[in-house]
Amino acid sequence: MKLIILLEKDVADRDEARTIFQMVTARLADRPGVTVIGQVTDDVNDTSPPDPPG
């Protein structure tokens, strides 16, 4: 079983998006087995999954 959480937030630019992504990644860094994947898009209707890490 897997838990998948989607965080959707309007941001001013990619720098703000990167900052939020880094905060979430840092917050969950000590959780074994948790993978944080991020994607920034200008198309709110884009539902394609992000590329896998690595």
C-alpha atoms as a PDB file:
ATOM      1  CA  MET A   1       0.000   0.000   0.000  1.00  0.00           C
ATOM      2  CA  LYS A   2       1.278   3.503  -0.785  1.00  0.00           C
ATOM      3  CA  LEU A   3       0.313   6.998   0.310  1.00  0.00           C
ATOM      4  CA  ILE A   4       0.601   9.652  -2.406  1.00  0.00           C
ATOM      5  CA  ILE A   5       0.071  13.318  -1.512  1.00  0.00           C
ATOM      6  CA  LEU A   6      -0.291  16.115  -4.049  1.00  0.00           C
ATOM      7  CA  LEU A   7       0.623  19.659  -2.989  1.00  0.00           C
ATOM      8  CA  GLU A   8      -0.831  22.276  -5.318  1.00  0.00           C
ATOM      9  CA  LYS A   9      -0.008  25.947  -4.688  1.00  0.00           C
ATOM     10  CA  ASP A  10       0.124  29.045  -6.854  1.00  0.00           C
ATOM     11  CA  VAL A  11       3.647  30.482  -6.822  1.00  0.00           C
ATOM     12  CA  ALA A  12       5.097  33.685  -8.235  1.00  0.00           C
ATOM     13  CA  ASP A  13       7.989  32.002 -10.038  1.00  0.00           C
ATOM     14  CA  ARG A  14      10.252  28.957 -10.168  1.00  0.00           C
ATOM     15  CA  ASP A  15      12.432  30.324  -7.353  1.00  0.00           C
ATOM     16  CA  GLU A  16       9.495  30.334  -4.949  1.00  0.00           C
ATOM     17  CA  ALA A  17       8.536  26.841  -6.119  1.00  0.00           C
ATOM     18  CA  ARG A  18      12.104  25.637  -5.566  1.00  0.00           C
ATOM     19  CA  THR A  19      12.161  27.133  -2.057  1.00  0.00           C
ATOM     20  CA  ILE A  20       8.943  25.359  -1.071  1.00  0.00           C
ATOM     21  CA  PHE A  21      10.168  22.084  -2.591  1.00  0.00           C
ATOM     22  CA  GLN A  22      13.435  22.348  -0.631  1.00  0.00           C
ATOM     23  CA  MET A  23      11.518  23.025   2.607  1.00  0.00           C
ATOM     24  CA  VAL A  24       9.329  19.939   2.110  1.00  0.00           C
ATOM     25  CA  THR A  25      12.343  17.809   1.148  1.00  0.00           C
ATOM     26  CA  ALA A  26      14.296  18.969   4.215  1.00  0.00           C
ATOM     27  CA  ARG A  27      11.337  18.351   6.512  1.00  0.00           C
ATOM     28  CA  LEU A  28      11.011  14.747   5.318  1.00  0.00           C
ATOM     29  CA  ALA A  29      14.736  14.001   4.943  1.00  0.00           C
ATOM     30  CA  ASP A  30      14.887  11.890   8.121  1.00  0.00           C
ATOM     31  CA  ARG A  31      11.966   9.666   7.076  1.00  0.00           C
ATOM     32  CA  PRO A  32      13.295   6.408   5.609  1.00  0.00           C
ATOM     33  CA  GLY A  33      11.324   5.171   2.649  1.00  0.00           C
ATOM     34  CA  VAL A  34       9.796   8.574   1.838  1.00  0.00           C
ATOM     35  CA  THR A  35      10.530   9.921  -1.629  1.00  0.00           C
ATOM     36  CA  VAL A  36       9.771  13.552  -2.460  1.00  0.00           C
ATOM     37  CA  ILE A  37       9.212  14.269  -6.159  1.00  0.00           C
ATOM     38  CA  GLY A  38       8.477  17.734  -7.515  1.00  0.00           C
ATOM     39  CA  GLN A  39       7.306  19.328 -10.716  1.00  0.00           C
ATOM     40  CA  VAL A  40       6.548  22.941 -11.617  1.00  0.00           C
ATOM     41  CA  THR A  41       4.095  23.584 -14.412  1.00  0.00           C
ATOM     42  CA  ASP A  42       2.440  26.596 -15.996  1.00  0.00           C
ATOM     43  CA  ASP A  43      -0.446  24.420 -17.166  1.00  0.00           C
ATOM     44  CA  VAL A  44      -2.887  23.796 -14.320  1.00  0.00           C
ATOM     45  CA  ASN A  45      -4.549  21.111 -16.439  1.00  0.00           C
ATOM     46  CA  ASP A  46      -1.302  19.148 -16.846  1.00  0.00           C
ATOM     47  CA  THR A  47      -1.892  15.928 -14.926  1.00  0.00           C
ATOM     48  CA  SER A  48       1.081  13.989 -16.263  1.00  0.00           C
ATOM     49  CA  PRO A  49       3.179  12.416 -13.499  1.00  0.00           C
ATOM     50  CA  PRO A  50       6.639  13.840 -12.806  1.00  0.00           C
ATOM     51  CA  ASP A  51       9.740  12.040 -13.995  1.00  0.00           C
ATOM     52  CA  PRO A  52      11.037   9.516 -11.439  1.00  0.00           C
ATOM     53  CA  PRO A  53      14.045  10.642  -9.372  1.00  0.00           C
ATOM     54  CA  GLY A  54      17.518   9.654 -10.425  1.00  0.00           C
END
